[in-house]
């Protein structure tokens, strides 16, 4: 199969699975803040996304169900349809009057989306060869970013005109569109022998026994925290400063995510040329600069040109970091355990970011918005400094049965399998 067809398939699936989730994670805080909700309660909303974080628990079962290549299409389509139905059902639920029911449906939709993501990630690992993994993960990150653009910026603007029910129905319909490329390319999905990974601790222990896995795990824990918390806390701050919902959507959803798309493309182009670690380090450094650049906003600076620059830097850094982490995570998957290993790694990488993002509202109340931005910048800078000590030599030497990471001469980087 030609590489560009693989990228079309993957980007469409990643757009579909992230569209409503970005609405819940990015637009709902703005809506609730406008209704007078506290910063702490907005931060704790992240609990509805727990299924996304915990999906590694049932990922081995998905590996078993999708091990023969032909089953990917059926499993992904079925899960996508359930995801679509949950989103459509939200149109019938009043957000103000029936908030617990709405949150329950959102959590259920996360379950279906997370399970679909396991199957999609396993498909991506099998579909992409080593040379294609950088650009392929750029397609994945780009799909996530486009889902974020449509689900946060676009949906926030649409919410002003269509209301809650209209936006939910529009998203439910949009979820059906990316399934078309799957049917078009399903016959070319490669099948590989194997019954899938072992369940529970038995399967996970095999992942951690790989050379360099311990240090890579620590790197994943610290890479996302600063960038994710910075993105999260910016939106309530803008509400407090009197920004309209439409302007917040344009600045953070359309512009920020749009620049992130460019960052994903750039990262996918650079990874085969500079290596995984160089791009990861650059993404963390950009995240640090972006967090510091947000300090004037906390002090009341609302100039549009300044905000475009600061938010754009954040989008670039986050996209580069995500693309590099996802690429390295693919390198660490074992044959027959693709979905389980990849989901476990993404869960680990999201733990640090999720904990800090979930507590960002409480931190803002205790130490101020500028204190949170300073903390985010320090964490991103620390992550950039630890890339080589934690990842360089150990990962560069890793090689397991011909499937692993070999050093690139003179760079101490992660190279080809």
Protein backbone atom coordinates (compact mmCIF):
# COMPACT_ATOMS: atom_id res chain seq x y z
CA UNK A 1 0.00 0.00 0.00
CA UNK A 2 1.31 3.46 -0.83
CA UNK A 3 2.35 5.56 2.14
CA UNK A 4 -0.03 8.43 1.46
CA UNK A 5 -3.01 6.06 1.58
CA UNK A 6 -1.90 4.85 4.99
CA UNK A 7 -1.72 8.44 6.21
CA UNK A 8 -5.22 9.19 4.89
CA UNK A 9 -6.64 6.18 6.70
CA UNK A 10 -4.95 6.96 10.01
CA UNK A 11 -5.61 10.70 10.04
CA UNK A 12 -9.31 10.13 9.35
CA UNK A 13 -9.65 7.66 12.21
CA UNK A 14 -7.81 9.90 14.65
CA UNK A 15 -9.97 12.88 13.70
CA UNK A 16 -13.09 10.85 14.38
CA UNK A 17 -12.06 9.56 17.79
CA UNK A 18 -10.90 12.93 19.14
CA UNK A 19 -13.61 15.30 17.87
CA UNK A 20 -16.16 15.08 20.75
CA UNK A 21 -13.46 14.56 23.37
CA UNK A 22 -11.88 17.90 22.53
CA UNK A 23 -15.28 19.53 22.80
CA UNK A 24 -15.77 18.04 26.27
CA UNK A 25 -12.26 18.93 27.38
CA UNK A 26 -11.93 22.40 25.86
CA UNK A 27 -15.37 23.88 25.25
CA UNK A 28 -17.18 22.57 28.30
CA UNK A 29 -14.80 24.42 30.70
CA UNK A 30 -15.54 27.68 28.88
CA UNK A 31 -19.30 27.06 29.05
CA UNK A 32 -19.19 26.15 32.73
CA UNK A 33 -16.91 29.06 33.65
CA UNK A 34 -19.35 31.38 31.91
CA UNK A 35 -22.09 29.88 34.11
CA UNK A 36 -20.08 30.65 37.24
CA UNK A 37 -18.42 27.29 37.96
CA UNK A 38 -15.29 27.40 40.15
CA UNK A 39 -11.82 26.81 38.74
CA UNK A 40 -11.42 23.75 40.94
CA UNK A 41 -14.61 22.11 39.64
CA UNK A 42 -13.56 22.84 36.05
CA UNK A 43 -10.19 21.22 36.65
CA UNK A 44 -11.80 18.11 38.12
CA UNK A 45 -13.95 17.73 34.99
CA UNK A 46 -10.99 15.86 33.56
CA UNK A 47 -12.20 12.80 35.48
CA UNK A 48 -14.67 12.02 32.67
CA UNK A 49 -11.66 11.31 30.45
CA UNK A 50 -10.42 8.54 32.78
CA UNK A 51 -11.39 5.78 30.30
CA UNK A 52 -8.86 7.26 27.87
CA UNK A 53 -6.17 7.03 30.52
CA UNK A 54 -7.18 3.53 31.68
CA UNK A 55 -7.66 1.95 28.26
CA UNK A 56 -4.45 -0.05 28.67
CA UNK A 57 -6.38 -2.26 31.12
CA UNK A 58 -8.47 -3.82 28.35
CA UNK A 59 -6.03 -3.26 25.47
CA UNK A 60 -4.79 -6.92 25.54
CA UNK A 61 -8.36 -8.05 24.87
CA UNK A 62 -8.56 -5.75 21.86
CA UNK A 63 -5.26 -7.18 20.59
CA UNK A 64 -6.77 -10.65 20.73
CA UNK A 65 -9.93 -9.55 18.94
CA UNK A 66 -8.09 -7.75 16.14
CA UNK A 67 -5.02 -9.96 15.68
CA UNK A 68 -6.15 -11.17 12.22
CA UNK A 69 -5.84 -8.06 10.04
CA UNK A 70 -9.31 -8.32 8.53
CA UNK A 71 -10.97 -7.75 11.88
CA UNK A 72 -9.70 -4.20 12.29
CA UNK A 73 -12.38 -2.72 10.04
CA UNK A 74 -15.28 -4.48 11.77
CA UNK A 75 -14.10 -3.65 15.29
CA UNK A 76 -13.34 0.00 14.53
CA UNK A 77 -16.62 0.58 12.67
CA UNK A 78 -18.71 -0.99 15.46
CA UNK A 79 -17.02 1.10 18.13
CA UNK A 80 -17.30 4.25 16.06
CA UNK A 81 -21.05 3.75 15.66
CA UNK A 82 -21.50 3.36 19.43
CA UNK A 83 -19.43 6.50 19.94
CA UNK A 84 -21.68 8.31 17.46
CA UNK A 85 -24.85 7.19 19.28
CA UNK A 86 -23.56 8.46 22.64
CA UNK A 87 -22.77 11.84 21.13
CA UNK A 88 -26.20 12.07 19.50
CA UNK A 89 -27.88 11.15 22.81
CA UNK A 90 -26.22 14.15 24.45
CA UNK A 91 -28.35 16.39 22.22
CA UNK A 92 -31.39 15.24 24.20
CA UNK A 93 -29.83 16.03 27.59
CA UNK A 94 -30.00 19.51 29.08
CA UNK A 95 -26.55 20.52 30.29
CA UNK A 96 -27.75 22.76 33.12
CA UNK A 97 -30.68 20.61 34.30
CA UNK A 98 -29.18 17.14 33.81
CA UNK A 99 -25.44 17.65 34.29
CA UNK A 100 -24.78 14.24 35.98
CA UNK A 101 -26.48 12.39 33.11
CA UNK A 102 -24.59 14.45 30.56
CA UNK A 103 -21.28 13.70 32.27
CA UNK A 104 -22.16 10.00 32.37
CA UNK A 105 -22.83 9.93 28.63
CA UNK A 106 -19.56 11.78 28.01
CA UNK A 107 -17.68 9.21 30.09
CA UNK A 108 -19.36 6.36 28.16
CA UNK A 109 -18.42 7.97 24.87
CA UNK A 110 -14.83 8.11 26.09
CA UNK A 111 -14.99 4.34 26.70
CA UNK A 112 -15.97 3.66 23.09
CA UNK A 113 -13.50 6.21 21.70
CA UNK A 114 -10.66 4.85 23.84
CA UNK A 115 -11.34 1.27 22.74
CA UNK A 116 -11.46 2.36 19.12
CA UNK A 117 -8.14 4.11 19.70
CA UNK A 118 -6.54 0.85 20.89
CA UNK A 119 -7.53 -0.88 17.65
CA UNK A 120 -6.45 2.11 15.57
CA UNK A 121 -3.05 2.34 17.28
CA UNK A 122 -2.42 -1.39 16.76
CA UNK A 123 -3.39 -0.96 13.13
CA UNK A 124 -0.95 1.96 12.78
CA UNK A 125 1.94 -0.01 14.28
CA UNK A 126 1.35 -2.87 11.84
CA UNK A 127 0.70 -0.63 8.86
CA UNK A 128 3.73 1.68 9.11
CA UNK A 129 7.28 0.58 8.47
CA UNK A 130 10.19 2.29 10.24
CA UNK A 131 10.70 4.95 7.57
CA UNK A 132 6.99 5.82 7.64
CA UNK A 133 6.62 6.12 11.42
CA UNK A 134 7.72 9.75 11.68
CA UNK A 135 5.37 11.00 8.95
CA UNK A 136 2.71 8.49 10.06
CA UNK A 137 2.72 9.86 13.57
CA UNK A 138 2.62 13.35 12.12
CA UNK A 139 -0.61 12.22 10.42
CA UNK A 140 -1.81 10.93 13.78
CA UNK A 141 -0.92 14.14 15.59
CA UNK A 142 -2.36 16.16 12.73
CA UNK A 143 -5.59 14.16 12.96
CA UNK A 144 -5.73 14.83 16.68
CA UNK A 145 -5.04 18.51 16.07
CA UNK A 146 -7.69 18.76 13.37
CA UNK A 147 -10.12 17.00 15.68
CA UNK A 148 -9.18 19.56 18.32
CA UNK A 149 -9.66 22.42 15.87
CA UNK A 150 -13.11 21.22 14.87
CA UNK A 151 -14.10 20.02 18.32
CA UNK A 152 -12.87 23.02 20.29
CA UNK A 153 -12.44 26.12 18.14
CA UNK A 154 -15.03 25.32 15.51
CA UNK A 155 -17.54 23.83 17.94
CA UNK A 156 -17.15 26.70 20.39
CA UNK A 157 -18.01 29.16 17.65
CA UNK A 158 -20.87 26.95 16.45
CA UNK A 159 -22.18 26.71 20.01
CA UNK A 160 -22.90 30.44 19.93
CA UNK A 161 -25.31 29.90 17.04
CA UNK A 162 -26.55 26.30 17.28
CA UNK A 163 -26.66 25.77 21.02
CA UNK A 164 -25.84 22.55 22.87
CA UNK A 165 -28.20 20.21 21.00
CA UNK A 166 -27.23 21.50 17.56
CA UNK A 167 -23.52 21.08 18.17
CA UNK A 168 -23.95 17.54 19.52
CA UNK A 169 -25.97 16.46 16.48
CA UNK A 170 -23.49 18.04 14.09
CA UNK A 171 -20.61 16.20 15.73
CA UNK A 172 -22.49 12.90 15.68
CA UNK A 173 -22.94 13.23 11.93
CA UNK A 174 -19.29 14.23 11.47
CA UNK A 175 -18.16 11.06 13.24
CA UNK A 176 -19.53 8.94 10.39
CA UNK A 177 -17.51 10.61 7.63
CA UNK A 178 -13.99 9.29 8.38
CA UNK A 179 -15.20 5.67 8.20
CA UNK A 180 -15.26 5.81 4.39
CA UNK A 181 -11.45 5.56 3.94
CA UNK A 182 -11.43 2.52 6.24
CA UNK A 183 -13.70 0.58 3.90
CA UNK A 184 -11.64 1.74 0.93
CA UNK A 185 -8.35 0.49 2.38
CA UNK A 186 -9.43 -2.34 4.66
CA UNK A 187 -8.42 -5.07 2.23
CA UNK A 188 -4.81 -3.87 2.32
CA UNK A 189 -4.42 -4.13 6.11
CA UNK A 190 -1.67 -6.67 6.76
CA UNK A 191 -2.45 -9.74 8.86
CA UNK A 192 0.20 -11.16 11.15
CA UNK A 193 0.24 -14.38 13.12
CA UNK A 194 -0.29 -14.34 16.86
CA UNK A 195 -3.17 -14.41 19.29
CA UNK A 196 -2.47 -11.06 20.86
CA UNK A 197 -0.91 -10.09 24.14
CA UNK A 198 -1.34 -11.67 27.54
CA UNK A 199 -3.77 -9.96 29.87
CA UNK A 200 -2.85 -8.02 32.98
CA UNK A 201 0.51 -7.84 34.70
CA UNK A 202 1.93 -10.77 32.72
CA UNK A 203 1.75 -8.89 29.46
CA UNK A 204 2.84 -5.53 30.91
CA UNK A 205 5.88 -6.98 32.66
CA UNK A 206 7.16 -8.07 29.28
CA UNK A 207 7.03 -4.50 28.08
CA UNK A 208 9.01 -3.20 31.06
CA UNK A 209 11.66 -5.91 30.66
CA UNK A 210 12.73 -4.39 27.34
CA UNK A 211 16.06 -2.57 27.23
CA UNK A 212 15.62 1.13 28.03
CA UNK A 213 11.93 0.80 28.95
CA UNK A 214 12.43 2.06 32.51
CA UNK A 215 14.12 5.29 31.51
CA UNK A 216 11.70 5.80 28.66
CA UNK A 217 8.82 5.42 31.13
CA UNK A 218 10.24 8.20 33.31
CA UNK A 219 10.65 10.42 30.26
CA UNK A 220 7.03 9.87 29.26
CA UNK A 221 5.83 10.84 32.74
CA UNK A 222 7.48 14.25 32.64
CA UNK A 223 7.14 15.25 28.97
CA UNK A 224 3.49 16.30 28.75
CA UNK A 225 2.70 17.86 32.13
CA UNK A 226 3.76 21.44 31.55
CA UNK A 227 2.33 21.76 28.04
CA UNK A 228 -1.05 20.21 28.88
CA UNK A 229 -1.59 22.28 32.04
CA UNK A 230 -0.62 25.47 30.21
CA UNK A 231 -3.21 24.81 27.49
CA UNK A 232 -5.88 23.90 30.05
CA UNK A 233 -5.56 26.93 32.32
CA UNK A 234 -5.34 29.48 29.51
CA UNK A 235 -9.05 29.18 28.66
CA UNK A 236 -10.52 29.97 32.15
CA UNK A 237 -8.05 32.85 32.40
CA UNK A 238 -9.33 34.30 29.13
CA UNK A 239 -12.91 34.00 30.40
CA UNK A 240 -11.90 35.91 33.55
CA UNK A 241 -10.34 38.61 31.39
CA UNK A 242 -13.64 39.11 29.55
CA UNK A 243 -12.91 37.33 26.27
CA UNK A 244 -16.00 36.19 24.38
CA UNK A 245 -16.46 32.49 23.70
CA UNK A 246 -16.05 33.11 19.98
CA UNK A 247 -12.73 34.92 20.47
CA UNK A 248 -11.43 32.17 22.76
CA UNK A 249 -12.40 29.62 20.11
CA UNK A 250 -10.62 31.53 17.36
CA UNK A 251 -7.42 32.11 19.36
CA UNK A 252 -6.99 28.76 21.10
CA UNK A 253 -9.01 26.38 18.93
CA UNK A 254 -8.56 27.68 15.40
CA UNK A 255 -5.23 29.52 15.58
CA UNK A 256 -3.49 27.47 18.29
CA UNK A 257 -4.50 24.13 16.87
CA UNK A 258 -3.94 25.30 13.30
CA UNK A 259 -0.35 26.20 14.13
CA UNK A 260 -0.12 22.83 15.88
CA UNK A 261 -1.01 21.15 12.59
CA UNK A 262 1.99 22.84 11.01
CA UNK A 263 4.11 21.71 13.95
CA UNK A 264 3.01 18.11 13.43
CA UNK A 265 3.90 18.25 9.74
CA UNK A 266 7.29 19.78 10.56
CA UNK A 267 7.98 17.15 13.23
CA UNK A 268 7.05 14.34 10.84
CA UNK A 269 9.47 15.75 8.26
CA UNK A 270 12.28 16.28 10.78
CA UNK A 271 12.15 12.91 12.59
CA UNK A 272 13.67 10.88 9.71
CA UNK A 273 16.35 13.58 9.30
CA UNK A 274 17.28 14.64 12.85
CA UNK A 275 16.00 11.69 14.87
CA UNK A 276 13.31 11.11 17.46
CA UNK A 277 15.15 12.56 20.44
CA UNK A 278 16.15 15.82 18.77
CA UNK A 279 12.51 16.52 17.87
CA UNK A 280 11.34 15.56 21.38
CA UNK A 281 13.87 17.92 22.95
CA UNK A 282 12.86 20.73 20.61
CA UNK A 283 9.18 20.25 21.42
CA UNK A 284 9.84 20.46 25.16
CA UNK A 285 11.91 23.62 24.73
CA UNK A 286 9.16 25.25 22.68
CA UNK A 287 6.69 24.31 25.41
CA UNK A 288 8.85 26.06 28.00
CA UNK A 289 9.09 29.22 25.91
CA UNK A 290 5.33 29.17 25.29
CA UNK A 291 4.52 28.86 29.01
CA UNK A 292 6.74 31.82 29.89
CA UNK A 293 5.25 33.77 26.99
CA UNK A 294 1.80 33.38 28.58
CA UNK A 295 2.84 35.28 31.73
CA UNK A 296 1.84 38.71 30.33
CA UNK A 297 -1.68 37.35 29.76
CA UNK A 298 -1.88 36.55 33.47
CA UNK A 299 -0.88 40.17 34.12
CA UNK A 300 -3.65 41.53 31.87
CA UNK A 301 -1.95 41.83 28.48
CA UNK A 302 -4.65 41.04 25.91
CA UNK A 303 -3.12 42.38 22.70
CA UNK A 304 -4.15 40.14 19.82
CA UNK A 305 -0.74 40.09 18.10
CA UNK A 306 0.94 39.02 21.33
CA UNK A 307 -1.62 36.28 21.95
CA UNK A 308 -1.23 34.92 18.42
CA UNK A 309 2.51 34.53 18.98
CA UNK A 310 2.27 33.02 22.47
CA UNK A 311 -0.53 30.57 21.67
CA UNK A 312 1.14 29.62 18.37
CA UNK A 313 4.36 28.70 20.19
CA UNK A 314 2.37 26.47 22.50
CA UNK A 315 0.75 24.70 19.56
CA UNK A 316 4.10 24.09 17.87
CA UNK A 317 5.72 22.70 21.02
CA UNK A 318 2.84 20.43 21.95
CA UNK A 319 2.56 18.99 18.42
CA UNK A 320 6.30 18.29 18.15
CA UNK A 321 6.38 16.62 21.57
CA UNK A 322 3.33 14.48 20.81
CA UNK A 323 4.65 13.35 17.42
CA UNK A 324 8.04 12.35 18.84
CA UNK A 325 6.57 10.50 21.82
CA UNK A 326 4.11 8.60 19.65
CA UNK A 327 6.86 7.60 17.24
CA UNK A 328 9.12 6.27 20.00
CA UNK A 329 6.14 4.48 21.56
CA UNK A 330 5.64 2.57 18.29
CA UNK A 331 9.29 1.52 18.37
CA UNK A 332 8.73 0.01 21.82
CA UNK A 333 5.76 -2.20 20.86
CA UNK A 334 6.24 -5.98 20.66
CA UNK A 335 4.80 -8.11 17.84
CA UNK A 336 1.38 -9.42 18.86
CA UNK A 337 1.12 -6.83 21.64
CA UNK A 338 0.85 -3.67 19.54
CA UNK A 339 -2.36 -2.29 21.00
CA UNK A 340 -1.53 -3.20 24.60
CA UNK A 341 2.04 -1.86 24.54
CA UNK A 342 1.16 1.33 22.71
CA UNK A 343 -1.86 2.04 24.94
CA UNK A 344 0.22 1.42 28.07
CA UNK A 345 2.83 3.93 26.93
CA UNK A 346 0.30 6.59 26.00
CA UNK A 347 -1.39 6.10 29.39
CA UNK A 348 1.95 6.61 31.12
CA UNK A 349 2.67 9.73 29.09
CA UNK A 350 -0.76 11.14 29.93
CA UNK A 351 -0.52 10.49 33.68
CA UNK A 352 1.89 13.33 34.36
CA UNK A 353 -0.03 15.72 32.15
CA UNK A 354 -3.40 14.56 33.43
CA UNK A 355 -2.50 14.97 37.10
CA UNK A 356 -1.14 18.46 36.59
CA UNK A 357 -3.93 19.47 34.22
CA UNK A 358 -6.58 18.18 36.62
CA UNK A 359 -5.07 20.16 39.50
CA UNK A 360 -4.33 23.28 37.44
CA UNK A 361 -7.54 25.02 38.52
CA UNK A 362 -6.74 24.44 42.20
CA UNK A 363 -3.14 25.57 41.62
CA UNK A 364 -4.40 28.75 39.95
CA UNK A 365 -6.53 29.52 42.99
CA UNK A 366 -3.60 28.93 45.35
CA UNK A 367 -0.67 30.47 43.47
CA UNK A 368 -2.29 32.57 40.73
CA UNK A 369 -2.30 32.13 37.00
CA UNK A 370 1.24 33.45 36.67
CA UNK A 371 2.44 30.88 39.19
CA UNK A 372 0.92 28.06 37.13
CA UNK A 373 2.52 29.32 33.92
CA UNK A 374 5.90 29.58 35.66
CA UNK A 375 5.56 26.01 36.95
CA UNK A 376 4.61 24.77 33.48
CA UNK A 377 7.63 26.46 31.93
CA UNK A 378 9.97 24.95 34.52
CA UNK A 379 8.58 21.45 33.92
CA UNK A 380 8.97 21.74 30.15
CA UNK A 381 12.53 23.01 30.53
CA UNK A 382 13.39 20.16 32.90
CA UNK A 383 11.95 17.64 30.42
CA UNK A 384 14.08 19.07 27.60
CA UNK A 385 17.20 18.80 29.75
CA UNK A 386 16.47 15.19 30.67
CA UNK A 387 15.87 13.88 27.16
CA UNK A 388 19.46 12.76 26.59
CA UNK A 389 20.28 11.55 30.15
CA UNK A 390 17.08 9.49 30.33
CA UNK A 391 16.73 8.35 26.74
CA UNK A 392 19.89 8.79 24.70
CA UNK A 393 22.31 5.98 25.43
CA UNK A 394 19.84 3.43 26.77
CA UNK A 395 17.41 3.75 23.88
CA UNK A 396 20.13 4.08 21.28
CA UNK A 397 21.54 0.70 22.30
CA UNK A 398 18.20 -1.04 22.49
CA UNK A 399 17.70 -3.93 20.11
CA UNK A 400 15.43 -6.88 20.78
CA UNK A 401 15.49 -9.74 18.31
CA UNK A 402 15.94 -7.39 15.38
CA UNK A 403 12.94 -5.28 16.41
CA UNK A 404 14.23 -2.33 18.35
CA UNK A 405 16.19 0.86 18.32
CA UNK A 406 19.70 1.17 17.04
CA UNK A 407 21.98 4.16 17.39
CA UNK A 408 22.52 6.60 14.63
CA UNK A 409 26.18 7.29 14.17
CA UNK A 410 27.35 10.37 16.01
CA UNK A 411 23.91 11.25 17.39
CA UNK A 412 23.12 8.81 20.19
CA UNK A 413 19.58 8.85 18.89
CA UNK A 414 16.80 6.42 18.22
CA UNK A 415 17.07 5.10 14.72
CA UNK A 416 15.72 2.34 12.62
CA UNK A 417 14.44 -0.98 13.79
